[in-house]
N, C-alpha and C. Protein backbone atom coordinates (compact mmCIF):
# COMPACT_ATOMS: atom_id res chain seq x y z
N MET A 1 10.69 -10.80 -64.68
CA MET A 1 10.47 -11.70 -65.78
C MET A 1 9.11 -12.37 -65.62
N SER A 2 8.35 -12.41 -66.67
CA SER A 2 7.01 -12.98 -66.66
C SER A 2 7.03 -14.38 -67.25
N THR A 3 6.36 -15.32 -66.57
CA THR A 3 6.21 -16.68 -67.08
C THR A 3 4.76 -17.09 -66.97
N SER A 4 4.35 -18.02 -67.80
CA SER A 4 2.98 -18.50 -67.80
C SER A 4 2.95 -20.01 -67.62
N ARG A 5 1.90 -20.47 -66.98
CA ARG A 5 1.69 -21.91 -66.75
C ARG A 5 0.23 -22.23 -66.96
N VAL A 6 -0.05 -23.44 -67.37
CA VAL A 6 -1.41 -23.97 -67.40
C VAL A 6 -1.36 -25.28 -66.63
N ILE A 7 -2.22 -25.39 -65.62
CA ILE A 7 -2.23 -26.59 -64.79
C ILE A 7 -3.66 -27.11 -64.68
N THR A 8 -3.81 -28.42 -64.81
CA THR A 8 -5.10 -29.07 -64.59
C THR A 8 -4.95 -30.06 -63.44
N TRP A 9 -5.91 -30.01 -62.52
CA TRP A 9 -5.93 -30.92 -61.38
C TRP A 9 -7.19 -31.77 -61.44
N GLU A 10 -7.07 -33.01 -61.00
CA GLU A 10 -8.24 -33.80 -60.67
C GLU A 10 -8.54 -33.49 -59.22
N VAL A 11 -9.73 -32.98 -58.95
CA VAL A 11 -10.09 -32.55 -57.60
C VAL A 11 -10.97 -33.64 -56.98
N SER A 12 -10.33 -34.52 -56.21
CA SER A 12 -11.04 -35.67 -55.64
C SER A 12 -12.10 -35.24 -54.64
N GLU A 13 -11.86 -34.18 -53.90
CA GLU A 13 -12.81 -33.71 -52.88
C GLU A 13 -14.15 -33.31 -53.50
N SER A 14 -14.13 -32.75 -54.71
CA SER A 14 -15.37 -32.33 -55.39
C SER A 14 -15.79 -33.32 -56.47
N LYS A 15 -14.98 -34.38 -56.66
CA LYS A 15 -15.19 -35.32 -57.76
C LYS A 15 -15.29 -34.57 -59.09
N GLY A 16 -14.28 -33.70 -59.31
CA GLY A 16 -14.29 -32.87 -60.50
C GLY A 16 -12.90 -32.57 -61.02
N LEU A 17 -12.82 -31.52 -61.81
CA LEU A 17 -11.57 -31.07 -62.44
C LEU A 17 -11.46 -29.56 -62.33
N GLU A 18 -10.22 -29.08 -62.36
CA GLU A 18 -9.96 -27.64 -62.40
C GLU A 18 -8.78 -27.38 -63.31
N THR A 19 -8.88 -26.33 -64.11
CA THR A 19 -7.75 -25.87 -64.92
C THR A 19 -7.52 -24.41 -64.60
N ALA A 20 -6.25 -24.05 -64.40
CA ALA A 20 -5.87 -22.66 -64.12
C ALA A 20 -4.81 -22.22 -65.12
N TRP A 21 -5.00 -21.01 -65.64
CA TRP A 21 -4.03 -20.35 -66.50
C TRP A 21 -3.37 -19.30 -65.61
N ILE A 22 -2.07 -19.45 -65.36
CA ILE A 22 -1.38 -18.65 -64.36
C ILE A 22 -0.26 -17.85 -65.00
N GLU A 23 -0.16 -16.58 -64.65
CA GLU A 23 0.94 -15.72 -65.08
C GLU A 23 1.68 -15.25 -63.84
N PHE A 24 2.97 -15.53 -63.80
CA PHE A 24 3.84 -15.04 -62.73
C PHE A 24 4.60 -13.84 -63.27
N ASP A 25 4.60 -12.75 -62.53
CA ASP A 25 5.32 -11.54 -62.93
C ASP A 25 6.06 -11.03 -61.70
N GLY A 26 7.33 -11.42 -61.58
CA GLY A 26 8.08 -11.06 -60.38
C GLY A 26 7.46 -11.76 -59.18
N ASP A 27 7.06 -10.95 -58.17
CA ASP A 27 6.44 -11.55 -56.99
C ASP A 27 4.94 -11.25 -56.95
N ALA A 28 4.31 -11.31 -58.12
CA ALA A 28 2.86 -11.18 -58.24
C ALA A 28 2.36 -12.25 -59.20
N LEU A 29 1.08 -12.56 -59.11
CA LEU A 29 0.52 -13.51 -60.06
C LEU A 29 -0.88 -13.08 -60.44
N ARG A 30 -1.26 -13.52 -61.61
CA ARG A 30 -2.62 -13.38 -62.11
C ARG A 30 -3.02 -14.76 -62.60
N ALA A 31 -4.25 -15.10 -62.35
CA ALA A 31 -4.72 -16.41 -62.80
C ALA A 31 -6.20 -16.33 -63.15
N ARG A 32 -6.57 -17.21 -64.03
CA ARG A 32 -7.98 -17.42 -64.31
C ARG A 32 -8.16 -18.91 -64.38
N GLY A 33 -9.31 -19.36 -63.92
CA GLY A 33 -9.53 -20.79 -63.88
C GLY A 33 -10.98 -21.17 -64.01
N ARG A 34 -11.17 -22.45 -64.28
CA ARG A 34 -12.51 -23.01 -64.36
C ARG A 34 -12.48 -24.36 -63.67
N ALA A 35 -13.56 -24.64 -62.97
CA ALA A 35 -13.67 -25.92 -62.29
C ALA A 35 -15.09 -26.43 -62.43
N VAL A 36 -15.20 -27.74 -62.45
CA VAL A 36 -16.49 -28.40 -62.44
C VAL A 36 -16.41 -29.46 -61.36
N GLY A 37 -17.46 -29.57 -60.58
CA GLY A 37 -17.51 -30.56 -59.52
C GLY A 37 -18.89 -31.17 -59.40
N THR A 38 -18.96 -32.30 -58.73
CA THR A 38 -20.24 -32.97 -58.52
C THR A 38 -20.60 -33.08 -57.05
N THR A 39 -19.68 -32.70 -56.16
CA THR A 39 -19.90 -32.75 -54.72
C THR A 39 -19.50 -31.41 -54.13
N PRO A 40 -20.26 -30.76 -53.29
CA PRO A 40 -21.44 -31.27 -52.58
C PRO A 40 -22.70 -31.31 -53.42
N GLU A 41 -22.69 -30.67 -54.58
CA GLU A 41 -23.76 -30.74 -55.57
C GLU A 41 -23.11 -30.40 -56.91
N PRO A 42 -23.71 -30.78 -58.03
CA PRO A 42 -23.10 -30.42 -59.31
C PRO A 42 -22.98 -28.90 -59.45
N TYR A 43 -21.78 -28.45 -59.86
CA TYR A 43 -21.54 -27.02 -60.01
C TYR A 43 -20.42 -26.80 -61.01
N TRP A 44 -20.32 -25.58 -61.49
CA TRP A 44 -19.13 -25.12 -62.19
C TRP A 44 -18.81 -23.74 -61.66
N ILE A 45 -17.53 -23.42 -61.65
CA ILE A 45 -17.10 -22.08 -61.28
C ILE A 45 -16.11 -21.57 -62.32
N SER A 46 -16.07 -20.27 -62.40
CA SER A 46 -15.09 -19.57 -63.22
C SER A 46 -14.54 -18.48 -62.33
N TYR A 47 -13.20 -18.32 -62.30
CA TYR A 47 -12.63 -17.32 -61.41
C TYR A 47 -11.47 -16.58 -62.06
N ALA A 48 -11.22 -15.39 -61.52
CA ALA A 48 -10.04 -14.60 -61.88
C ALA A 48 -9.42 -14.12 -60.57
N LEU A 49 -8.12 -14.32 -60.43
CA LEU A 49 -7.38 -13.97 -59.23
C LEU A 49 -6.26 -13.01 -59.60
N ASP A 50 -6.11 -11.95 -58.82
CA ASP A 50 -5.07 -10.95 -59.07
C ASP A 50 -4.39 -10.64 -57.75
N THR A 51 -3.06 -10.71 -57.72
CA THR A 51 -2.32 -10.35 -56.50
C THR A 51 -1.44 -9.13 -56.76
N THR A 52 -1.06 -8.49 -55.67
CA THR A 52 -0.10 -7.40 -55.73
C THR A 52 1.29 -7.98 -55.49
N ASP A 53 2.28 -7.13 -55.41
CA ASP A 53 3.63 -7.58 -55.05
C ASP A 53 3.57 -8.29 -53.70
N GLY A 54 4.40 -9.31 -53.56
CA GLY A 54 4.40 -10.11 -52.34
C GLY A 54 3.31 -11.17 -52.35
N PHE A 55 2.68 -11.38 -53.49
CA PHE A 55 1.63 -12.38 -53.65
C PHE A 55 0.46 -12.16 -52.69
N VAL A 56 0.15 -10.89 -52.41
CA VAL A 56 -0.99 -10.53 -51.56
C VAL A 56 -2.22 -10.37 -52.45
N THR A 57 -3.30 -11.04 -52.09
CA THR A 57 -4.52 -10.97 -52.90
C THR A 57 -5.01 -9.53 -53.03
N ARG A 58 -5.28 -9.13 -54.25
CA ARG A 58 -5.92 -7.84 -54.53
C ARG A 58 -7.40 -8.07 -54.80
N ARG A 59 -7.69 -9.12 -55.64
CA ARG A 59 -9.08 -9.35 -56.03
C ARG A 59 -9.28 -10.80 -56.45
N LEU A 60 -10.41 -11.34 -56.06
CA LEU A 60 -10.86 -12.65 -56.52
C LEU A 60 -12.29 -12.46 -57.02
N LEU A 61 -12.50 -12.72 -58.29
CA LEU A 61 -13.82 -12.60 -58.90
C LEU A 61 -14.26 -14.01 -59.27
N VAL A 62 -15.41 -14.45 -58.75
CA VAL A 62 -15.87 -15.83 -58.95
C VAL A 62 -17.33 -15.83 -59.40
N GLU A 63 -17.63 -16.70 -60.35
CA GLU A 63 -19.01 -16.97 -60.74
C GLU A 63 -19.23 -18.45 -60.54
N ALA A 64 -20.30 -18.80 -59.83
CA ALA A 64 -20.64 -20.20 -59.59
C ALA A 64 -22.04 -20.47 -60.09
N ALA A 65 -22.21 -21.61 -60.75
CA ALA A 65 -23.53 -22.00 -61.24
C ALA A 65 -23.87 -23.38 -60.70
N THR A 66 -25.11 -23.51 -60.22
CA THR A 66 -25.66 -24.79 -59.76
C THR A 66 -27.08 -24.90 -60.33
N ALA A 67 -27.76 -25.97 -59.99
CA ALA A 67 -29.15 -26.13 -60.43
C ALA A 67 -30.04 -25.02 -59.87
N HIS A 68 -29.58 -24.37 -58.80
CA HIS A 68 -30.37 -23.31 -58.14
C HIS A 68 -30.12 -21.93 -58.73
N GLY A 69 -29.21 -21.82 -59.69
CA GLY A 69 -28.95 -20.54 -60.32
C GLY A 69 -27.47 -20.19 -60.29
N THR A 70 -27.19 -18.92 -60.56
CA THR A 70 -25.82 -18.42 -60.65
C THR A 70 -25.56 -17.41 -59.54
N ARG A 71 -24.37 -17.48 -58.93
CA ARG A 71 -23.94 -16.52 -57.91
C ARG A 71 -22.66 -15.86 -58.39
N MET A 72 -22.47 -14.63 -57.95
CA MET A 72 -21.24 -13.90 -58.26
C MET A 72 -20.62 -13.43 -56.94
N LEU A 73 -19.30 -13.43 -56.90
CA LEU A 73 -18.57 -12.90 -55.75
C LEU A 73 -17.44 -12.04 -56.28
N ASP A 74 -17.37 -10.82 -55.78
CA ASP A 74 -16.27 -9.91 -56.07
C ASP A 74 -15.61 -9.61 -54.73
N LEU A 75 -14.56 -10.36 -54.42
CA LEU A 75 -13.84 -10.24 -53.14
C LEU A 75 -12.62 -9.36 -53.36
N ARG A 76 -12.54 -8.28 -52.60
CA ARG A 76 -11.43 -7.33 -52.79
C ARG A 76 -10.73 -7.02 -51.48
N HIS A 77 -9.41 -6.90 -51.59
CA HIS A 77 -8.55 -6.51 -50.47
C HIS A 77 -8.02 -5.12 -50.79
N ASP A 78 -8.12 -4.20 -49.83
CA ASP A 78 -7.75 -2.80 -50.11
C ASP A 78 -6.25 -2.52 -49.96
N GLY A 79 -5.44 -3.53 -49.63
CA GLY A 79 -4.01 -3.32 -49.45
C GLY A 79 -3.64 -2.86 -48.06
N GLU A 80 -4.65 -2.56 -47.24
CA GLU A 80 -4.41 -2.12 -45.86
C GLU A 80 -5.10 -3.04 -44.86
N GLY A 81 -5.47 -4.24 -45.32
CA GLY A 81 -6.03 -5.23 -44.41
C GLY A 81 -7.54 -5.33 -44.39
N ARG A 82 -8.24 -4.50 -45.14
CA ARG A 82 -9.70 -4.55 -45.14
C ARG A 82 -10.21 -5.24 -46.41
N TRP A 83 -11.33 -5.94 -46.26
CA TRP A 83 -11.92 -6.72 -47.35
C TRP A 83 -13.36 -6.31 -47.58
N THR A 84 -13.79 -6.47 -48.85
CA THR A 84 -15.20 -6.30 -49.20
C THR A 84 -15.62 -7.47 -50.08
N THR A 85 -16.90 -7.82 -49.98
CA THR A 85 -17.50 -8.78 -50.90
C THR A 85 -18.67 -8.07 -51.56
N ASN A 86 -18.61 -7.99 -52.88
CA ASN A 86 -19.65 -7.31 -53.65
C ASN A 86 -19.92 -5.91 -53.09
N GLY A 87 -18.85 -5.24 -52.66
CA GLY A 87 -18.94 -3.87 -52.18
C GLY A 87 -19.26 -3.72 -50.70
N GLU A 88 -19.58 -4.80 -50.01
CA GLU A 88 -19.90 -4.76 -48.58
C GLU A 88 -18.69 -5.19 -47.75
N ARG A 89 -18.41 -4.45 -46.67
CA ARG A 89 -17.28 -4.79 -45.80
C ARG A 89 -17.46 -6.17 -45.17
N VAL A 90 -16.35 -6.87 -44.99
CA VAL A 90 -16.31 -8.18 -44.35
C VAL A 90 -15.30 -8.10 -43.21
N PRO A 91 -15.67 -7.48 -42.08
CA PRO A 91 -14.70 -7.23 -41.02
C PRO A 91 -14.12 -8.49 -40.37
N GLN A 92 -14.81 -9.62 -40.45
CA GLN A 92 -14.30 -10.84 -39.81
C GLN A 92 -13.03 -11.37 -40.47
N VAL A 93 -12.70 -10.91 -41.68
CA VAL A 93 -11.46 -11.35 -42.33
C VAL A 93 -10.43 -10.23 -42.41
N ASP A 94 -10.71 -9.09 -41.74
CA ASP A 94 -9.73 -8.00 -41.73
C ASP A 94 -8.39 -8.49 -41.21
N GLY A 95 -7.33 -8.08 -41.85
CA GLY A 95 -5.99 -8.50 -41.50
C GLY A 95 -5.46 -9.64 -42.35
N ALA A 96 -6.35 -10.36 -43.03
CA ALA A 96 -5.91 -11.44 -43.91
C ALA A 96 -5.21 -10.85 -45.13
N LEU A 97 -4.22 -11.54 -45.63
CA LEU A 97 -3.53 -11.13 -46.85
C LEU A 97 -3.98 -11.93 -48.06
N ASP A 98 -4.55 -13.10 -47.79
CA ASP A 98 -4.86 -14.01 -48.88
C ASP A 98 -6.31 -14.46 -48.86
N CYS A 99 -6.78 -14.80 -50.05
CA CYS A 99 -8.05 -15.52 -50.18
C CYS A 99 -7.70 -17.00 -50.27
N ASP A 100 -8.68 -17.83 -49.99
CA ASP A 100 -8.55 -19.27 -50.17
C ASP A 100 -9.86 -19.75 -50.77
N LEU A 101 -9.86 -19.98 -52.07
CA LEU A 101 -11.06 -20.46 -52.74
C LEU A 101 -11.21 -21.94 -52.45
N GLY A 102 -12.30 -22.31 -51.81
CA GLY A 102 -12.54 -23.70 -51.44
C GLY A 102 -12.39 -24.65 -52.61
N LEU A 103 -11.81 -25.81 -52.37
CA LEU A 103 -11.62 -26.87 -53.36
C LEU A 103 -10.69 -26.47 -54.50
N CYS A 104 -9.91 -25.39 -54.32
CA CYS A 104 -9.04 -24.87 -55.37
C CYS A 104 -7.57 -24.96 -54.93
N PRO A 105 -6.79 -25.86 -55.51
CA PRO A 105 -5.40 -26.00 -55.10
C PRO A 105 -4.53 -24.78 -55.44
N LEU A 106 -4.94 -23.96 -56.38
CA LEU A 106 -4.13 -22.80 -56.77
C LEU A 106 -3.94 -21.81 -55.62
N THR A 107 -4.98 -21.59 -54.80
CA THR A 107 -4.87 -20.53 -53.80
C THR A 107 -3.97 -20.90 -52.62
N ASN A 108 -3.40 -22.10 -52.61
CA ASN A 108 -2.36 -22.42 -51.63
C ASN A 108 -1.02 -21.83 -52.04
N THR A 109 -0.90 -21.38 -53.27
CA THR A 109 0.36 -20.91 -53.82
C THR A 109 0.86 -19.62 -53.16
N MET A 110 -0.04 -18.66 -52.90
CA MET A 110 0.41 -17.33 -52.44
C MET A 110 1.18 -17.37 -51.13
N PRO A 111 0.66 -17.98 -50.05
CA PRO A 111 1.44 -17.98 -48.80
C PRO A 111 2.74 -18.79 -48.91
N VAL A 112 2.72 -19.86 -49.71
CA VAL A 112 3.93 -20.67 -49.89
C VAL A 112 5.02 -19.82 -50.55
N LEU A 113 4.66 -19.12 -51.63
CA LEU A 113 5.65 -18.30 -52.35
C LEU A 113 6.11 -17.10 -51.53
N ARG A 114 5.19 -16.41 -50.87
CA ARG A 114 5.54 -15.20 -50.13
C ARG A 114 6.64 -15.49 -49.10
N HIS A 115 6.59 -16.67 -48.50
CA HIS A 115 7.56 -17.00 -47.45
C HIS A 115 8.56 -18.07 -47.87
N GLY A 116 8.56 -18.44 -49.15
CA GLY A 116 9.53 -19.41 -49.65
C GLY A 116 9.46 -20.75 -48.96
N LEU A 117 8.28 -21.14 -48.49
CA LEU A 117 8.15 -22.36 -47.70
C LEU A 117 8.35 -23.64 -48.50
N HIS A 118 8.39 -23.55 -49.82
CA HIS A 118 8.66 -24.73 -50.65
C HIS A 118 10.17 -24.96 -50.79
N ARG A 119 10.95 -23.99 -50.35
CA ARG A 119 12.41 -24.07 -50.51
C ARG A 119 13.20 -24.05 -49.21
N ALA A 120 12.71 -23.35 -48.20
CA ALA A 120 13.51 -23.11 -47.00
C ALA A 120 12.68 -23.36 -45.73
N PRO A 121 13.37 -23.72 -44.65
CA PRO A 121 12.67 -23.98 -43.39
C PRO A 121 11.85 -22.77 -42.93
N GLY A 122 10.76 -23.09 -42.27
CA GLY A 122 9.90 -22.07 -41.71
C GLY A 122 8.51 -22.60 -41.50
N GLU A 123 7.78 -21.90 -40.67
CA GLU A 123 6.38 -22.22 -40.41
C GLU A 123 5.66 -20.91 -40.18
N ARG A 124 4.51 -20.74 -40.80
CA ARG A 124 3.75 -19.49 -40.69
C ARG A 124 2.28 -19.80 -40.49
N GLU A 125 1.64 -18.98 -39.66
CA GLU A 125 0.19 -19.06 -39.49
C GLU A 125 -0.43 -17.87 -40.19
N PHE A 126 -1.56 -18.12 -40.84
CA PHE A 126 -2.24 -17.08 -41.61
C PHE A 126 -3.72 -17.04 -41.27
N LEU A 127 -4.28 -15.86 -41.37
CA LEU A 127 -5.72 -15.70 -41.42
C LEU A 127 -6.07 -15.56 -42.89
N MET A 128 -6.99 -16.39 -43.36
CA MET A 128 -7.37 -16.38 -44.77
C MET A 128 -8.82 -15.95 -44.91
N ALA A 129 -9.13 -15.31 -46.03
CA ALA A 129 -10.51 -15.04 -46.42
C ALA A 129 -10.95 -16.26 -47.23
N TRP A 130 -11.57 -17.23 -46.53
CA TRP A 130 -11.92 -18.50 -47.15
C TRP A 130 -13.28 -18.39 -47.83
N VAL A 131 -13.35 -18.86 -49.08
CA VAL A 131 -14.57 -18.78 -49.89
C VAL A 131 -15.13 -20.19 -50.08
N ALA A 132 -16.33 -20.42 -49.56
CA ALA A 132 -16.98 -21.73 -49.71
C ALA A 132 -17.48 -21.89 -51.14
N VAL A 133 -17.32 -23.10 -51.68
CA VAL A 133 -17.76 -23.42 -53.03
C VAL A 133 -18.80 -24.53 -52.92
N PRO A 134 -19.96 -24.40 -53.57
CA PRO A 134 -20.34 -23.38 -54.54
C PRO A 134 -21.11 -22.19 -53.95
N GLU A 135 -21.25 -22.12 -52.63
CA GLU A 135 -22.07 -21.07 -52.01
C GLU A 135 -21.51 -19.66 -52.20
N LEU A 136 -20.18 -19.54 -52.28
CA LEU A 136 -19.46 -18.27 -52.40
C LEU A 136 -19.66 -17.37 -51.18
N THR A 137 -19.79 -17.98 -50.02
CA THR A 137 -19.76 -17.22 -48.76
C THR A 137 -18.32 -17.06 -48.33
N VAL A 138 -18.03 -16.00 -47.56
CA VAL A 138 -16.66 -15.71 -47.12
C VAL A 138 -16.60 -15.81 -45.59
N GLU A 139 -15.63 -16.58 -45.13
CA GLU A 139 -15.46 -16.80 -43.69
C GLU A 139 -13.98 -16.72 -43.35
N PRO A 140 -13.65 -16.39 -42.09
CA PRO A 140 -12.25 -16.43 -41.68
C PRO A 140 -11.79 -17.88 -41.51
N SER A 141 -10.54 -18.14 -41.86
CA SER A 141 -9.96 -19.46 -41.69
C SER A 141 -8.51 -19.30 -41.25
N ARG A 142 -8.17 -19.85 -40.09
CA ARG A 142 -6.78 -19.87 -39.61
C ARG A 142 -6.09 -21.08 -40.22
N GLN A 143 -4.96 -20.84 -40.87
CA GLN A 143 -4.23 -21.91 -41.54
C GLN A 143 -2.74 -21.79 -41.24
N THR A 144 -2.09 -22.93 -41.18
CA THR A 144 -0.64 -22.97 -40.96
C THR A 144 0.02 -23.71 -42.11
N TYR A 145 1.13 -23.15 -42.58
CA TYR A 145 1.94 -23.78 -43.61
C TYR A 145 3.34 -23.97 -43.02
N ALA A 146 3.90 -25.18 -43.16
CA ALA A 146 5.23 -25.46 -42.61
C ALA A 146 6.07 -26.21 -43.63
N HIS A 147 7.30 -25.76 -43.81
CA HIS A 147 8.26 -26.41 -44.70
C HIS A 147 8.67 -27.75 -44.08
N LEU A 148 8.54 -28.83 -44.87
CA LEU A 148 8.97 -30.15 -44.41
C LEU A 148 10.21 -30.63 -45.14
N GLY A 149 10.50 -30.01 -46.27
CA GLY A 149 11.63 -30.38 -47.12
C GLY A 149 11.43 -29.70 -48.46
N PRO A 150 12.43 -29.78 -49.35
CA PRO A 150 12.26 -29.16 -50.66
C PRO A 150 11.00 -29.68 -51.37
N GLY A 151 10.11 -28.77 -51.73
CA GLY A 151 8.89 -29.14 -52.43
C GLY A 151 7.84 -29.83 -51.59
N LEU A 152 7.98 -29.80 -50.27
CA LEU A 152 7.02 -30.46 -49.39
C LEU A 152 6.62 -29.50 -48.27
N VAL A 153 5.32 -29.19 -48.21
CA VAL A 153 4.80 -28.21 -47.26
C VAL A 153 3.59 -28.81 -46.54
N ARG A 154 3.59 -28.73 -45.21
CA ARG A 154 2.43 -29.21 -44.45
C ARG A 154 1.42 -28.08 -44.34
N PHE A 155 0.18 -28.38 -44.70
CA PHE A 155 -0.96 -27.47 -44.55
C PHE A 155 -1.79 -27.96 -43.38
N ALA A 156 -2.19 -27.04 -42.50
CA ALA A 156 -3.05 -27.41 -41.38
C ALA A 156 -4.08 -26.32 -41.15
N SER A 157 -5.29 -26.75 -40.85
CA SER A 157 -6.37 -25.83 -40.49
C SER A 157 -7.30 -26.59 -39.55
N ALA A 158 -7.49 -26.04 -38.33
CA ALA A 158 -8.25 -26.72 -37.29
C ALA A 158 -7.63 -28.11 -37.08
N ASP A 159 -8.42 -29.19 -37.22
CA ASP A 159 -7.86 -30.53 -37.00
C ASP A 159 -7.50 -31.24 -38.31
N PHE A 160 -7.53 -30.51 -39.44
CA PHE A 160 -7.16 -31.08 -40.73
C PHE A 160 -5.69 -30.82 -41.03
N ARG A 161 -4.99 -31.85 -41.56
CA ARG A 161 -3.60 -31.71 -41.96
C ARG A 161 -3.37 -32.47 -43.26
N SER A 162 -2.53 -31.89 -44.12
CA SER A 162 -2.17 -32.57 -45.36
C SER A 162 -0.79 -32.09 -45.78
N ASP A 163 0.06 -33.02 -46.24
CA ASP A 163 1.39 -32.68 -46.70
C ASP A 163 1.35 -32.48 -48.22
N LEU A 164 1.51 -31.23 -48.64
CA LEU A 164 1.39 -30.85 -50.04
C LEU A 164 2.73 -31.00 -50.75
N VAL A 165 2.70 -31.61 -51.92
CA VAL A 165 3.87 -31.61 -52.81
C VAL A 165 3.68 -30.43 -53.74
N VAL A 166 4.68 -29.54 -53.80
CA VAL A 166 4.60 -28.36 -54.66
C VAL A 166 5.82 -28.31 -55.57
N ASP A 167 5.66 -27.63 -56.70
CA ASP A 167 6.76 -27.52 -57.65
C ASP A 167 7.62 -26.29 -57.34
N ALA A 168 8.60 -26.02 -58.19
CA ALA A 168 9.53 -24.90 -57.98
C ALA A 168 8.83 -23.55 -58.00
N ASP A 169 7.63 -23.47 -58.62
CA ASP A 169 6.86 -22.23 -58.64
C ASP A 169 5.89 -22.14 -57.48
N GLY A 170 5.91 -23.12 -56.56
CA GLY A 170 5.01 -23.10 -55.42
C GLY A 170 3.61 -23.59 -55.72
N CYS A 171 3.39 -24.16 -56.91
CA CYS A 171 2.07 -24.66 -57.30
C CYS A 171 1.91 -26.11 -56.87
N VAL A 172 0.71 -26.46 -56.42
CA VAL A 172 0.42 -27.79 -55.93
C VAL A 172 0.55 -28.83 -57.04
N VAL A 173 1.32 -29.88 -56.73
CA VAL A 173 1.41 -31.07 -57.57
C VAL A 173 0.47 -32.13 -57.00
N ASP A 174 0.52 -32.32 -55.68
CA ASP A 174 -0.34 -33.29 -55.01
C ASP A 174 -0.78 -32.74 -53.67
N TYR A 175 -2.08 -32.73 -53.44
CA TYR A 175 -2.68 -32.29 -52.19
C TYR A 175 -3.53 -33.46 -51.72
N PRO A 176 -2.94 -34.41 -50.98
CA PRO A 176 -3.67 -35.61 -50.57
C PRO A 176 -5.01 -35.27 -49.94
N GLY A 177 -6.04 -35.95 -50.43
CA GLY A 177 -7.38 -35.72 -49.93
C GLY A 177 -8.13 -34.62 -50.66
N LEU A 178 -7.43 -33.83 -51.49
CA LEU A 178 -8.11 -32.75 -52.22
C LEU A 178 -7.90 -32.86 -53.73
N ALA A 179 -6.63 -32.82 -54.18
CA ALA A 179 -6.39 -32.73 -55.62
C ALA A 179 -5.02 -33.26 -56.00
N ALA A 180 -4.91 -33.70 -57.25
CA ALA A 180 -3.64 -34.13 -57.82
C ALA A 180 -3.53 -33.56 -59.24
N ARG A 181 -2.35 -33.09 -59.57
CA ARG A 181 -2.11 -32.50 -60.89
C ARG A 181 -2.20 -33.57 -61.97
N LEU A 182 -2.87 -33.21 -63.05
CA LEU A 182 -2.92 -34.06 -64.23
C LEU A 182 -1.96 -33.59 -65.29
N THR A 183 -1.88 -32.25 -65.49
CA THR A 183 -1.01 -31.71 -66.53
C THR A 183 -0.34 -30.44 -66.03
N ALA A 184 0.75 -30.12 -66.67
CA ALA A 184 1.42 -28.84 -66.43
C ALA A 184 2.14 -28.47 -67.74
N ALA A 185 2.06 -27.21 -68.09
CA ALA A 185 2.73 -26.76 -69.31
C ALA A 185 3.41 -25.44 -69.05
């Protein structure tokens, strides 16, 4: 069964806003979004995210614009653990299943849903293909997600920790220090 959502977040970390149009189809999702921020410098991004079954990232296409010009990123996962950016291999993120678009609360959804961490006990560590915004560079990021209670998931990476409030679809409602939902439809 396919369902659609539109969510807008106030992104305090970037002093901006993000809106995502999300389609859930079984255990896959497609999304497109736009964000504008003023920190670390004024920027806007536009992105399209596509996952395979199991909410594993297939492709993240991002365009970022700043006063210095426009950048494009085409991040692809081959389904066997290998990644490319704009056609070039990125071996440092091999083995990752997910992308994590910086300053974007939507990309926390995939690992939460894949393991049902918004509903049931568990803790998982992930290697993520983390995308810096607005630079659009890709780096490895070790992250841990742990179920704290229904709709409450702890996110940790290095020495950073935040307890995320998520809805029944695994989408962020409140990410203290990063973003808070303004609307949902």
